[in-house]
C-alpha cells in the first residue's frame, strides 16, 4: 500500500509514479492484466491509523472510486476519506502519464464522465451504504472486505443482510484448503513426470 502514498519519499524522481505505472500497464502484477483491458480495479486498502481494511473499487467507466467500508462510526469517515484522497490524487496523474486513456479508447473530449474535466482532476469518491457492518470492537474488517470483493467480482451487489463471520471464516478456510490440496496434487503430477 505504501506505493500509493502521495507523501511517500519515493515519489521523488518518478519512483512512486513509475512503480504505479507498471501496475496500470500490467507489467507488475501476478495476473499481468493491464488496467485498460478491465472495467474496475479492486484495491484493498489498509487504514493504518484505524487498523482497518476497506475495499476501494476504481471504476474507470464511471470515473469514480466506490468505497466499501464495514465500519461506520463518528470520526471514522474522515480518517478513511483522508487515505482514499491519497490514492485519488495519484491515480489520475498516472493514468495520464502512461497513456491509459488512449489504450482504453476513452476520448476525453467526448466521454460523458471525462469531457468537462481536466485529466488530472480527482475522481469522485462514493461511499457505498446499506452494507453489512462488523460488530464494534471486532477485527472482522478484512473478512468483510474480501466478502464484498467476492460479491462484486461475480457481478452481484453486496447484499444488505447481516454476515455471519464464523461461517465466512469456515468457508474461506475450506476454499484455501481445497486450493492448497489442488496445488500439491499438481506438483506431484509434474514431479512424477520428471524422474
Protein backbone atom coordinates (compact mmCIF):
# COMPACT_ATOMS: atom_id res chain seq x y z
CA UNK A 1 0.00 0.00 0.00
CA UNK A 2 2.96 2.34 0.54
CA UNK A 3 3.32 2.66 -3.22
CA UNK A 4 0.13 4.74 -3.34
CA UNK A 5 1.02 7.25 -0.62
CA UNK A 6 1.40 10.68 -2.21
CA UNK A 7 3.65 11.85 0.62
CA UNK A 8 5.94 8.81 0.28
CA UNK A 9 9.59 9.91 -0.13
CA UNK A 10 9.96 7.55 -3.12
CA UNK A 11 7.63 9.83 -5.09
CA UNK A 12 10.68 11.93 -5.96
CA UNK A 13 12.41 11.28 -9.28
CA UNK A 14 9.49 9.26 -10.59
CA UNK A 15 9.97 6.40 -8.11
CA UNK A 16 6.38 6.03 -6.95
CA UNK A 17 4.81 7.16 -10.21
CA UNK A 18 6.94 4.76 -12.24
CA UNK A 19 6.02 1.91 -9.88
CA UNK A 20 2.30 2.62 -10.16
CA UNK A 21 2.58 3.00 -13.95
CA UNK A 22 3.92 -0.58 -14.09
CA UNK A 23 0.73 -1.77 -12.35
CA UNK A 24 -1.52 0.25 -14.65
CA UNK A 25 0.16 -1.16 -17.76
CA UNK A 26 0.08 -4.76 -16.48
CA UNK A 27 3.83 -5.23 -16.05
CA UNK A 28 3.91 -5.60 -12.27
CA UNK A 29 1.02 -7.88 -11.31
CA UNK A 30 0.76 -11.59 -10.79
CA UNK A 31 -2.08 -11.75 -13.30
CA UNK A 32 -0.33 -9.36 -15.72
CA UNK A 33 -3.57 -7.66 -16.76
CA UNK A 34 -3.25 -4.07 -17.94
CA UNK A 35 -5.84 -1.70 -16.50
CA UNK A 36 -7.10 -0.61 -19.90
CA UNK A 37 -8.44 -4.15 -20.52
CA UNK A 38 -10.79 -4.19 -17.50
CA UNK A 39 -13.69 -2.08 -16.23
CA UNK A 40 -12.99 -1.95 -12.49
CA UNK A 41 -9.88 -2.18 -10.33
CA UNK A 42 -10.29 -3.66 -6.83
CA UNK A 43 -7.89 -2.17 -4.29
CA UNK A 44 -7.66 -3.42 -0.72
CA UNK A 45 -6.64 -0.50 1.46
CA UNK A 46 -5.30 -0.58 4.98
CA UNK A 47 -6.23 2.46 7.06
CA UNK A 48 -3.23 2.31 9.37
CA UNK A 49 -4.49 4.92 11.83
CA UNK A 50 -7.62 2.83 12.46
CA UNK A 51 -6.02 -0.61 11.91
CA UNK A 52 -8.81 -1.23 9.46
CA UNK A 53 -9.27 -2.61 5.92
CA UNK A 54 -11.61 -1.19 3.29
CA UNK A 55 -12.27 -2.06 -0.35
CA UNK A 56 -11.86 0.69 -2.93
CA UNK A 57 -13.22 -0.06 -6.40
CA UNK A 58 -11.80 2.22 -9.07
CA UNK A 59 -14.48 2.45 -11.76
CA UNK A 60 -12.80 3.67 -14.93
CA UNK A 61 -16.04 4.00 -16.93
CA UNK A 62 -17.81 5.92 -14.14
CA UNK A 63 -14.67 7.95 -13.28
CA UNK A 64 -15.09 7.41 -9.56
CA UNK A 65 -13.90 5.37 -6.61
CA UNK A 66 -16.57 3.34 -4.83
CA UNK A 67 -15.65 2.74 -1.20
CA UNK A 68 -16.90 -0.34 0.67
CA UNK A 69 -16.38 0.03 4.41
CA UNK A 70 -17.63 -2.40 7.05
CA UNK A 71 -17.48 0.03 9.95
CA UNK A 72 -19.39 3.25 10.49
CA UNK A 73 -18.78 5.50 13.46
CA UNK A 74 -18.19 9.15 14.20
CA UNK A 75 -14.70 10.26 13.21
CA UNK A 76 -14.10 7.12 11.17
CA UNK A 77 -15.31 8.58 7.85
CA UNK A 78 -12.80 11.47 7.96
CA UNK A 79 -9.79 9.21 8.51
CA UNK A 80 -10.84 6.78 5.77
CA UNK A 81 -11.54 9.61 3.33
CA UNK A 82 -8.08 11.12 4.01
CA UNK A 83 -6.45 7.81 3.00
CA UNK A 84 -8.62 7.45 -0.09
CA UNK A 85 -7.72 11.00 -1.16
CA UNK A 86 -4.05 9.97 -1.27
CA UNK A 87 -4.94 7.28 -3.79
CA UNK A 88 -7.30 9.64 -5.59
CA UNK A 89 -4.56 12.24 -6.08
CA UNK A 90 -2.03 9.98 -7.75
CA UNK A 91 -4.26 7.75 -9.92
CA UNK A 92 -5.39 10.43 -12.44
CA UNK A 93 -1.82 11.65 -12.88
CA UNK A 94 -0.53 8.14 -13.53
CA UNK A 95 -3.37 7.31 -15.91
CA UNK A 96 -2.47 10.34 -17.96
CA UNK A 97 1.29 9.69 -17.80
CA UNK A 98 1.07 6.10 -19.05
CA UNK A 99 -1.33 6.74 -21.98
CA UNK A 100 -4.15 4.88 -20.25
CA UNK A 101 -6.91 6.91 -21.92
CA UNK A 102 -5.60 6.22 -25.42
CA UNK A 103 -5.14 2.49 -24.65
CA UNK A 104 -8.67 2.27 -23.18
CA UNK A 105 -10.18 4.15 -26.12
CA UNK A 106 -11.55 6.94 -23.94
CA UNK A 107 -11.93 10.19 -25.86
CA UNK A 108 -11.50 12.75 -23.08
CA UNK A 109 -13.35 15.39 -25.10
CA UNK A 110 -16.44 13.25 -25.82
CA UNK A 111 -16.82 10.71 -22.98
CA UNK A 112 -19.71 11.86 -20.72
CA UNK A 113 -17.74 11.29 -17.49
CA UNK A 114 -14.50 12.91 -18.70
CA UNK A 115 -15.38 15.66 -21.19
CA UNK A 116 -15.85 18.54 -18.72
CA UNK A 117 -12.87 17.64 -16.57
CA UNK A 118 -9.14 18.06 -16.74
CA UNK A 119 -7.42 14.63 -16.93
CA UNK A 120 -5.61 15.40 -13.65
CA UNK A 121 -8.87 16.13 -11.75
CA UNK A 122 -9.62 13.85 -8.84
CA UNK A 123 -12.08 11.01 -9.24
CA UNK A 124 -15.31 11.28 -7.29
CA UNK A 125 -15.29 9.18 -4.09
CA UNK A 126 -18.61 7.50 -3.31
CA UNK A 127 -19.13 5.71 -0.01
CA UNK A 128 -21.47 2.75 -0.58
CA UNK A 129 -24.23 2.45 2.01
CA UNK A 130 -26.56 -0.31 3.22
CA UNK A 131 -23.62 -2.69 3.60
CA UNK A 132 -23.35 -5.44 6.20
CA UNK A 133 -21.39 -3.99 9.12
CA UNK A 134 -18.98 -5.63 11.51
CA UNK A 135 -19.66 -5.52 15.23
CA UNK A 136 -18.00 -2.68 17.13
CA UNK A 137 -14.70 -3.88 18.56
CA UNK A 138 -14.43 -6.90 16.25
CA UNK A 139 -11.45 -7.44 13.98
CA UNK A 140 -13.52 -8.71 11.05
CA UNK A 141 -12.85 -5.84 8.60
CA UNK A 142 -10.60 -7.95 6.36
CA UNK A 143 -13.20 -10.71 6.23
CA UNK A 144 -15.91 -8.22 5.25
CA UNK A 145 -13.64 -6.59 2.66
CA UNK A 146 -12.95 -9.94 0.99
CA UNK A 147 -16.64 -10.85 1.03
CA UNK A 148 -17.57 -7.50 -0.56
CA UNK A 149 -14.94 -8.11 -3.27
CA UNK A 150 -16.21 -11.64 -3.89
CA UNK A 151 -19.82 -10.47 -4.31
CA UNK A 152 -18.79 -7.70 -6.69
CA UNK A 153 -16.43 -9.91 -8.71
CA UNK A 154 -19.37 -12.20 -9.51
CA UNK A 155 -21.34 -9.21 -10.80
CA UNK A 156 -23.61 -9.08 -7.77
CA UNK A 157 -24.39 -6.27 -5.39
CA UNK A 158 -23.30 -6.65 -1.79
CA UNK A 159 -26.49 -7.83 -0.08
CA UNK A 160 -27.67 -5.66 2.84
CA UNK A 161 -28.06 -8.76 5.01
CA UNK A 162 -26.05 -9.45 8.12
CA UNK A 163 -22.96 -11.60 7.51
CA UNK A 164 -22.09 -14.49 9.81
CA UNK A 165 -18.31 -14.04 10.33
CA UNK A 166 -17.81 -17.58 11.67
CA UNK A 167 -19.49 -19.12 8.61
CA UNK A 168 -17.41 -16.92 6.31
CA UNK A 169 -14.17 -17.91 8.08
CA UNK A 170 -15.07 -21.58 7.72
CA UNK A 171 -15.95 -21.12 4.05
CA UNK A 172 -12.74 -19.26 3.20
CA UNK A 173 -10.63 -21.75 5.17
CA UNK A 174 -12.21 -24.60 3.19
CA UNK A 175 -11.54 -22.79 -0.10
CA UNK A 176 -7.90 -22.19 0.85
CA UNK A 177 -7.51 -25.83 1.93
CA UNK A 178 -9.01 -27.01 -1.35
CA UNK A 179 -6.65 -24.77 -3.36
CA UNK A 180 -3.66 -25.98 -1.35
CA UNK A 181 -4.61 -29.61 -1.96
CA UNK A 182 -5.05 -28.93 -5.68
CA UNK A 183 -1.63 -27.21 -5.83
CA UNK A 184 0.05 -30.16 -4.09
CA UNK A 185 -1.69 -32.57 -6.46
CA UNK A 186 -0.43 -30.56 -9.47
CA UNK A 187 3.12 -30.54 -8.06
CA UNK A 188 3.00 -34.33 -7.61
CA UNK A 189 1.87 -34.79 -11.21
CA UNK A 190 4.69 -32.56 -12.51
CA UNK A 191 7.38 -34.25 -10.39
CA UNK A 192 6.18 -37.75 -11.29
CA UNK A 193 6.59 -36.91 -14.99
CA UNK A 194 10.20 -35.78 -14.43
CA UNK A 195 12.09 -38.55 -12.54
